[in-house]
Amino acid sequence: MRLRDETERVLRAWNAHEVNRGGSPIIDFDCRPGGPEPEPAPDRLAVHRRLAELRADAAGPVAARLDADLAYLGALLGERPPLGDYVRRTQGCGTAGWPEEYVAERRDRARAALSGLGIGWGPGANAELREVEGRLDVRDAPDAIRQAAAELEPAVREATGTTTGYTLTIETAEVDAYWAYWLDGAGHDVRLRLNLPNVEFTESGARQFALHEVLGHGLQSASFTERAAAEDVPWVRLLSVHAPHQVLLEGLAQAWPLFLLPDDAVLAARVRLGHYVQLVLAQVHRAINDGTPAAECAAHLRAAVPWMADKTVAGYLADRGTSPVHRSYMWAYPAGMDWFAALAEAGGETARTVLRAAYRAPLTPSDLAALWPDGPAIGGPGAPAALPR
């Protein structure tokens, strides 16, 4: 595994360089912590040259990871390849999109779920759902999340077969960014950050937080750590949001309630609504990158998701159109959510196999497709890039 180890060394040096210059980390979860502090890389070009040298001799999972790193680093250096090429190299899936009829079908399912709770479709739908979910004071959120994680952990462990332990730290932040919560960490130490300006806490939301971040990303990453310590695994043991395992991580994290709590009508409504919103965001993600004016994209998003504020819409468009990391990473949400929602609905032995495999290794979209050959196309079966009229 010399090439894998050298790849990890270069990625750690790159990460140190970015952090030292005040940028975002390259590594989001370290599945092989320990060892001396890396010497920061001198600059991005030096990193790019060394990664390209390694790619010439790489194969398998290391080659796929190096492709993602080179594409993302190229974007940081000023490259702007077509969206389909960029996402294929980073997230490992296509950007064909979903037909208008399918998006409408998912919208109708979300509307029906809201209607079952006595909530109409319109500008107040999200606020009304928050009330039904049971609002929580921000100061009570950490304890509520911990309690929900403790209650749901046995079910996640039974579904995945993992016996890994983890330690959870919950911190708060106030950042002018799109995210409401974020998880990172190393080894078995998991840190959950709550971005107070962007997050609304509810009792149902605490269960969703617990499944998505703590028992999804946290326990999953700790499980990868344990396997990497026990075996000489073939994959790079550093997780990054621009790499092709992200479709797995974000897809399953969003869909977990559909596997474990299908009879929780309130939580199911939130997840169904989230699925529809992600498909709409995928439409504008493709459109803004295809040259559609921002005003047209914003009008489409506001019409399709009438409770979304202008500030939120503006942030989503800028992230998907101009940010090297989010132009790649944000596609993992609709691509992963749609595939795992379909898997939850299909159920059966295939779903059980995928869930267990998902906590053993950072699977790529190709790995997922191999586990479920009859599943939907990851990234959509195809649709025009132009926004529907």
Protein backbone atom coordinates (compact mmCIF):
# COMPACT_ATOMS: atom_id res chain seq x y z
CA MET A 1 0.00 0.00 0.00
CA ARG A 2 2.93 2.34 -0.54
CA LEU A 3 1.05 4.44 -3.12
CA ARG A 4 -1.98 4.77 -0.83
CA ASP A 5 0.23 5.83 2.06
CA GLU A 6 2.07 8.39 -0.06
CA THR A 7 -1.27 9.74 -1.28
CA GLU A 8 -2.34 10.19 2.33
CA ARG A 9 0.93 11.95 3.15
CA VAL A 10 0.43 14.42 0.31
CA LEU A 11 -3.20 15.03 1.28
CA ARG A 12 -2.19 15.76 4.87
CA ALA A 13 0.43 18.24 3.65
CA TRP A 14 -2.15 19.87 1.38
CA ASN A 15 -4.63 20.04 4.26
CA ALA A 16 -2.03 21.72 6.48
CA HIS A 17 -1.28 24.25 3.74
CA GLU A 18 -4.94 25.18 3.33
CA VAL A 19 -5.53 25.50 7.07
CA ASN A 20 -2.40 27.64 7.51
CA ARG A 21 -3.57 30.04 4.82
CA GLY A 22 -6.99 30.39 6.47
CA GLY A 23 -8.84 28.19 4.00
CA SER A 24 -11.18 25.26 4.48
CA PRO A 25 -9.66 21.91 5.48
CA ILE A 26 -9.23 19.25 2.82
CA ILE A 27 -9.74 16.42 5.32
CA ASP A 28 -13.16 16.22 7.00
CA PHE A 29 -12.70 12.94 8.83
CA ASP A 30 -9.41 11.19 9.51
CA CYS A 31 -9.82 7.41 9.66
CA ARG A 32 -6.14 6.92 10.50
CA PRO A 33 -5.27 9.54 13.12
CA GLY A 34 -1.97 9.76 14.92
CA GLY A 35 1.57 10.24 13.78
CA PRO A 36 3.61 13.43 13.55
CA GLU A 37 2.15 16.74 12.42
CA PRO A 38 2.57 17.04 8.64
CA GLU A 39 4.82 19.65 7.13
CA PRO A 40 2.53 21.99 5.15
CA ALA A 41 2.89 21.82 1.38
CA PRO A 42 4.60 24.91 -0.06
CA ASP A 43 1.77 25.71 -2.47
CA ARG A 44 -1.11 24.21 -4.44
CA LEU A 45 0.91 23.71 -7.62
CA ALA A 46 3.43 21.56 -5.79
CA VAL A 47 0.59 19.42 -4.48
CA HIS A 48 -0.95 19.15 -7.94
CA ARG A 49 2.33 17.99 -9.48
CA ARG A 50 2.86 15.33 -6.84
CA LEU A 51 -0.73 14.04 -7.04
CA ALA A 52 -0.41 13.81 -10.82
CA GLU A 53 2.78 11.78 -10.45
CA LEU A 54 1.02 9.39 -8.09
CA ARG A 55 -2.00 9.08 -10.38
CA ALA A 56 0.21 7.76 -13.19
CA ASP A 57 0.85 4.58 -11.18
CA ALA A 58 -2.49 4.29 -9.36
CA ALA A 59 -5.38 1.91 -9.85
CA GLY A 60 -8.62 1.02 -8.11
CA PRO A 61 -9.87 3.06 -5.15
CA VAL A 62 -6.67 5.11 -4.90
CA ALA A 63 -6.92 6.12 -8.56
CA ALA A 64 -10.55 7.21 -8.10
CA ARG A 65 -9.59 9.28 -5.09
CA LEU A 66 -6.67 10.90 -6.89
CA ASP A 67 -8.94 11.80 -9.81
CA ALA A 68 -11.21 13.61 -7.35
CA ASP A 69 -8.33 15.40 -5.63
CA LEU A 70 -6.80 16.53 -8.93
CA ALA A 71 -10.16 17.78 -10.23
CA TYR A 72 -10.92 19.70 -7.05
CA LEU A 73 -7.42 21.13 -6.79
CA GLY A 74 -7.61 22.14 -10.44
CA ALA A 75 -10.82 24.02 -9.65
CA LEU A 76 -9.11 25.78 -6.74
CA LEU A 77 -6.40 26.81 -9.18
CA GLY A 78 -8.93 28.36 -11.55
CA GLU A 79 -10.13 25.56 -13.81
CA ARG A 80 -13.86 25.42 -14.53
CA PRO A 81 -14.69 22.24 -16.45
CA PRO A 82 -18.28 21.48 -17.50
CA LEU A 83 -20.42 20.42 -14.55
CA GLY A 84 -20.85 16.84 -15.77
CA ASP A 85 -17.11 16.28 -16.14
CA TYR A 86 -16.34 17.91 -12.80
CA VAL A 87 -18.92 15.97 -10.80
CA ARG A 88 -18.04 12.70 -12.52
CA ARG A 89 -14.40 13.12 -11.49
CA THR A 90 -15.16 14.28 -7.94
CA GLN A 91 -18.42 12.68 -6.81
CA GLY A 92 -18.14 9.71 -9.16
CA CYS A 93 -21.62 9.98 -10.66
CA GLY A 94 -23.45 11.64 -13.52
CA THR A 95 -25.45 14.85 -13.60
CA ALA A 96 -28.12 13.77 -16.07
CA GLY A 97 -30.89 15.03 -13.78
CA TRP A 98 -34.46 13.90 -13.18
CA PRO A 99 -37.45 14.35 -15.52
CA GLU A 100 -40.01 17.01 -14.63
CA GLU A 101 -42.66 14.30 -14.22
CA TYR A 102 -40.57 12.52 -11.59
CA VAL A 103 -39.92 15.74 -9.65
CA ALA A 104 -43.67 16.41 -9.73
CA GLU A 105 -44.32 12.88 -8.43
CA ARG A 106 -41.99 13.46 -5.49
CA ARG A 107 -43.61 16.86 -4.87
CA ASP A 108 -47.04 15.23 -4.76
CA ARG A 109 -45.81 12.65 -2.25
CA ALA A 110 -44.40 15.42 -0.07
CA ARG A 111 -47.66 17.39 -0.31
CA ALA A 112 -49.65 14.32 0.65
CA ALA A 113 -47.40 13.74 3.68
CA LEU A 114 -47.92 17.36 4.76
CA SER A 115 -51.65 17.15 4.14
CA GLY A 116 -51.81 14.13 6.41
CA LEU A 117 -50.54 16.39 9.18
CA GLY A 118 -53.04 19.12 8.36
CA ILE A 119 -50.46 21.32 6.61
CA GLY A 120 -51.18 23.04 3.31
CA TRP A 121 -48.73 23.78 0.51
CA GLY A 122 -47.54 27.37 0.37
CA PRO A 123 -45.21 29.98 1.92
CA GLY A 124 -46.07 28.86 5.45
CA ALA A 125 -45.66 25.11 4.93
CA ASN A 126 -42.18 24.82 6.44
CA ALA A 127 -43.05 26.97 9.49
CA GLU A 128 -46.22 24.95 10.09
CA LEU A 129 -44.25 21.72 9.90
CA ARG A 130 -41.78 23.10 12.44
CA GLU A 131 -44.67 23.70 14.83
CA VAL A 132 -45.95 20.14 14.37
CA GLU A 133 -42.41 18.83 14.92
CA GLY A 134 -42.33 20.58 18.31
CA ARG A 135 -40.01 23.55 18.60
CA LEU A 136 -37.05 23.34 20.99
CA ASP A 137 -35.05 26.07 22.65
CA VAL A 138 -31.55 26.21 21.21
CA ARG A 139 -30.10 25.57 24.66
CA ASP A 140 -31.94 22.24 24.86
CA ALA A 141 -30.77 20.98 21.46
CA PRO A 142 -27.51 19.23 22.46
CA ASP A 143 -29.21 17.16 25.17
CA ALA A 144 -32.12 16.33 22.86
CA ILE A 145 -29.73 15.17 20.13
CA ARG A 146 -27.76 13.00 22.56
CA GLN A 147 -30.95 11.44 23.91
CA ALA A 148 -32.27 10.74 20.42
CA ALA A 149 -28.94 9.19 19.40
CA ALA A 150 -28.97 6.92 22.45
CA GLU A 151 -32.52 5.78 21.68
CA LEU A 152 -31.89 5.12 17.97
CA GLU A 153 -28.38 3.70 18.19
CA PRO A 154 -29.42 0.05 18.77
CA ALA A 155 -31.54 0.10 15.60
CA VAL A 156 -28.72 1.55 13.51
CA ARG A 157 -26.26 -1.01 14.88
CA GLU A 158 -28.66 -3.86 14.15
CA ALA A 159 -29.17 -2.62 10.58
CA THR A 160 -25.47 -2.11 9.85
CA GLY A 161 -23.77 -4.69 12.01
CA THR A 162 -21.29 -2.19 13.41
CA THR A 163 -20.01 -2.59 16.98
CA THR A 164 -17.68 0.42 16.87
CA GLY A 165 -17.64 2.87 19.76
CA TYR A 166 -17.43 6.64 19.39
CA THR A 167 -17.16 9.77 21.52
CA LEU A 168 -19.41 12.71 20.66
CA THR A 169 -18.67 16.40 21.22
CA ILE A 170 -21.31 19.02 20.36
CA GLU A 171 -20.25 22.62 19.73
CA THR A 172 -22.09 25.72 18.55
CA ALA A 173 -20.95 28.22 15.92
CA GLU A 174 -22.23 31.38 14.26
CA VAL A 175 -21.07 31.34 10.64
CA ASP A 176 -22.50 33.13 7.58
CA ALA A 177 -22.68 29.96 5.49
CA TYR A 178 -25.31 27.62 4.03
CA TRP A 179 -24.88 24.84 6.57
CA ALA A 180 -26.98 24.37 9.68
CA TYR A 181 -24.89 21.54 11.11
CA TRP A 182 -21.61 19.89 10.23
CA LEU A 183 -19.68 16.90 11.48
CA ASP A 184 -15.98 16.18 11.39
CA GLY A 185 -13.52 14.27 13.51
CA ALA A 186 -10.76 11.72 13.70
CA GLY A 187 -10.70 8.07 14.68
CA HIS A 188 -13.49 7.46 17.17
CA ASP A 189 -13.81 11.12 18.17
CA VAL A 190 -16.77 12.82 16.53
CA ARG A 191 -17.50 16.56 16.62
CA LEU A 192 -20.92 17.97 15.73
CA ARG A 193 -21.14 21.72 15.12
CA LEU A 194 -24.48 23.53 15.15
CA ASN A 195 -24.60 26.78 13.15
CA LEU A 196 -27.02 28.80 15.29
CA PRO A 197 -28.09 31.44 12.73
CA ASN A 198 -29.26 28.76 10.28
CA VAL A 199 -30.78 26.05 12.41
CA GLU A 200 -34.23 25.67 13.95
CA PHE A 201 -34.47 23.02 16.62
CA THR A 202 -37.48 20.74 17.02
CA GLU A 203 -38.18 17.49 18.82
CA SER A 204 -38.54 15.62 15.53
CA GLY A 205 -35.49 17.44 14.19
CA ALA A 206 -33.42 16.10 17.08
CA ARG A 207 -34.11 12.57 15.84
CA GLN A 208 -33.22 13.62 12.32
CA PHE A 209 -29.98 15.25 13.57
CA ALA A 210 -29.10 12.12 15.51
CA LEU A 211 -29.61 9.83 12.53
CA HIS A 212 -27.97 12.11 9.97
CA GLU A 213 -24.93 13.42 11.78
CA VAL A 214 -24.23 11.28 14.85
CA LEU A 215 -25.35 7.77 13.85
CA GLY A 216 -24.92 8.49 10.15
CA HIS A 217 -21.67 10.37 9.53
CA GLY A 218 -20.17 9.94 12.99
CA LEU A 219 -20.71 6.24 13.69
CA GLN A 220 -20.13 5.41 10.03
CA SER A 221 -16.75 7.18 9.94
CA ALA A 222 -15.72 5.63 13.24
CA SER A 223 -16.63 2.23 11.76
CA PHE A 224 -14.36 2.92 8.79
CA THR A 225 -11.61 3.79 11.28
CA GLU A 226 -12.00 0.49 13.10
CA ARG A 227 -11.83 -1.53 9.92
CA ALA A 228 -8.80 0.44 8.69
CA ALA A 229 -7.04 -0.38 11.96
CA ALA A 230 -7.83 -4.07 11.64
CA GLU A 231 -7.07 -4.52 7.91
CA ASP A 232 -4.77 -3.05 5.30
CA VAL A 233 -7.69 -1.53 3.39
CA PRO A 234 -7.22 -0.51 -0.27
CA TRP A 235 -8.92 2.90 0.06
CA VAL A 236 -7.52 6.25 1.15
CA ARG A 237 -8.27 6.63 4.86
CA LEU A 238 -9.04 10.34 4.73
CA LEU A 239 -12.60 11.48 3.99
CA SER A 240 -13.22 14.69 2.05
CA VAL A 241 -16.45 16.19 0.76
CA HIS A 242 -15.08 16.50 -2.79
CA ALA A 243 -14.43 12.74 -3.05
CA PRO A 244 -16.67 9.99 -4.50
CA HIS A 245 -17.77 8.45 -1.19
CA GLN A 246 -19.88 11.54 -0.47
CA VAL A 247 -22.92 10.27 -2.39
CA LEU A 248 -23.01 7.34 0.03
CA LEU A 249 -22.47 9.47 3.13
CA GLU A 250 -25.03 12.18 2.36
CA GLY A 251 -27.51 9.88 0.68
CA LEU A 252 -27.83 7.41 3.53
CA ALA A 253 -27.68 10.12 6.21
CA GLN A 254 -30.70 11.86 4.67
CA ALA A 255 -32.67 8.67 4.09
CA TRP A 256 -32.06 6.88 7.42
CA PRO A 257 -35.55 7.73 8.80
CA LEU A 258 -37.16 5.96 5.84
CA PHE A 259 -35.31 2.75 6.79
CA LEU A 260 -35.75 2.89 10.55
CA LEU A 261 -38.82 5.04 11.30
CA PRO A 262 -41.20 4.66 8.35
CA ASP A 263 -44.25 4.96 10.63
CA ASP A 264 -43.15 8.28 12.14
CA ALA A 265 -45.48 10.46 10.06
CA VAL A 266 -43.92 13.75 11.14
CA LEU A 267 -40.34 12.73 10.44
CA ALA A 268 -41.34 10.98 7.21
CA ALA A 269 -43.00 14.20 6.03
CA ARG A 270 -39.80 16.12 6.69
CA VAL A 271 -37.72 13.58 4.76
CA ARG A 272 -40.19 13.41 1.85
CA LEU A 273 -40.17 17.19 1.68
CA GLY A 274 -36.37 17.21 1.79
CA HIS A 275 -36.22 14.72 -1.08
CA TYR A 276 -38.38 16.94 -3.27
CA VAL A 277 -36.42 20.08 -2.39
CA GLN A 278 -33.15 18.35 -3.27
CA LEU A 279 -34.52 17.46 -6.71
CA VAL A 280 -35.51 21.09 -7.28
CA LEU A 281 -32.07 22.23 -6.15
CA ALA A 282 -30.59 19.76 -8.63
CA GLN A 283 -32.59 21.46 -11.39
CA VAL A 284 -31.14 24.89 -10.59
CA HIS A 285 -27.68 23.37 -9.98
CA ARG A 286 -27.64 22.17 -13.58
CA ALA A 287 -29.28 25.31 -14.93
CA ILE A 288 -26.95 27.85 -13.31
CA ASN A 289 -23.98 25.87 -14.60
CA ASP A 290 -25.54 25.71 -18.06
CA GLY A 291 -25.68 29.49 -18.29
CA THR A 292 -29.26 30.16 -17.18
CA PRO A 293 -29.48 33.65 -15.65
CA ALA A 294 -29.50 33.69 -11.85
CA ALA A 295 -32.80 35.61 -11.79
CA GLU A 296 -34.49 32.82 -13.75
CA CYS A 297 -33.05 30.16 -11.46
CA ALA A 298 -34.18 32.11 -8.40
CA ALA A 299 -37.71 32.54 -9.79
CA HIS A 300 -37.96 28.80 -10.46
CA LEU A 301 -36.72 27.91 -7.00
CA ARG A 302 -39.08 30.35 -5.27
CA ALA A 303 -42.06 29.04 -7.27
CA ALA A 304 -41.21 25.40 -6.60
CA VAL A 305 -40.32 25.91 -2.92
CA PRO A 306 -42.50 28.89 -1.90
CA TRP A 307 -41.25 29.10 1.69
CA MET A 308 -37.60 29.57 0.71
CA ALA A 309 -36.27 33.06 1.55
CA ASP A 310 -34.36 35.20 -0.96
CA LYS A 311 -31.22 35.07 1.18
CA THR A 312 -31.29 31.28 1.12
CA VAL A 313 -31.95 31.18 -2.61
CA ALA A 314 -29.06 33.56 -3.30
CA GLY A 315 -26.70 31.45 -1.23
CA TYR A 316 -27.71 28.22 -2.92
CA LEU A 317 -27.16 29.68 -6.40
CA ALA A 318 -23.78 31.20 -5.56
CA ASP A 319 -22.57 27.97 -3.94
CA ARG A 320 -23.61 25.79 -6.85
CA GLY A 321 -22.43 28.16 -9.53
CA THR A 322 -19.14 29.57 -8.26
CA SER A 323 -17.76 27.60 -5.28
CA PRO A 324 -15.28 24.85 -6.31
CA VAL A 325 -16.25 22.68 -3.35
CA HIS A 326 -20.02 23.18 -3.44
CA ARG A 327 -20.25 22.91 -7.23
CA SER A 328 -19.17 19.31 -6.64
CA TYR A 329 -20.30 18.48 -3.11
CA MET A 330 -23.86 19.79 -3.23
CA TRP A 331 -24.66 17.39 -6.06
CA ALA A 332 -24.09 14.49 -3.66
CA TYR A 333 -27.27 15.43 -1.76
CA PRO A 334 -29.88 14.91 -4.50
CA ALA A 335 -27.92 12.08 -6.13
CA GLY A 336 -27.53 10.19 -2.87
CA MET A 337 -30.93 11.02 -1.41
CA ASP A 338 -32.82 9.84 -4.48
CA TRP A 339 -30.93 6.54 -4.66
CA PHE A 340 -31.25 5.70 -0.97
CA ALA A 341 -34.91 6.75 -0.82
CA ALA A 342 -35.56 4.30 -3.64
CA LEU A 343 -33.59 1.63 -1.77
CA ALA A 344 -35.63 2.19 1.40
CA GLU A 345 -38.83 1.86 -0.61
CA ALA A 346 -37.59 -1.33 -2.27
CA GLY A 347 -36.44 -2.89 1.01
CA GLY A 348 -35.64 -6.58 1.09
CA GLU A 349 -32.31 -8.35 1.16
CA THR A 350 -30.64 -5.83 -1.14
CA ALA A 351 -31.30 -3.02 1.32
CA ARG A 352 -29.91 -5.11 4.18
CA THR A 353 -26.77 -5.88 2.16
CA VAL A 354 -26.18 -2.24 1.23
CA LEU A 355 -26.63 -0.97 4.79
CA ARG A 356 -24.06 -3.40 6.13
CA ALA A 357 -21.59 -2.66 3.35
CA ALA A 358 -22.09 1.08 3.92
CA TYR A 359 -20.51 0.88 7.39
CA ARG A 360 -17.51 -1.17 6.29
CA ALA A 361 -15.98 1.00 3.56
CA PRO A 362 -16.49 4.40 1.89
CA LEU A 363 -18.36 3.09 -1.14
CA THR A 364 -18.41 5.00 -4.42
CA PRO A 365 -21.45 5.33 -6.72
CA SER A 366 -19.99 2.52 -8.84
CA ASP A 367 -19.82 0.32 -5.72
CA LEU A 368 -23.44 1.12 -4.88
CA ALA A 369 -24.60 0.37 -8.40
CA ALA A 370 -22.81 -2.99 -8.26
CA LEU A 371 -24.66 -3.86 -5.05
CA TRP A 372 -28.02 -2.92 -6.61
CA PRO A 373 -27.77 -3.29 -10.41
CA ASP A 374 -31.53 -2.76 -10.80
CA GLY A 375 -31.49 0.47 -8.81
CA PRO A 376 -32.04 3.93 -10.28
CA ALA A 377 -29.29 5.79 -12.11
CA ILE A 378 -27.27 7.75 -9.56
CA GLY A 379 -27.50 11.39 -10.59
CA GLY A 380 -30.72 10.87 -12.51
CA PRO A 381 -31.87 9.06 -15.67
CA GLY A 382 -31.77 12.21 -17.78
CA ALA A 383 -33.61 15.51 -18.27
CA PRO A 384 -33.07 18.77 -20.18
CA ALA A 385 -30.73 21.23 -18.46
CA ALA A 386 -33.21 24.04 -19.20
CA LEU A 387 -35.60 24.76 -16.35
CA PRO A 388 -39.19 23.52 -16.88
CA ARG A 389 -41.69 26.20 -17.85
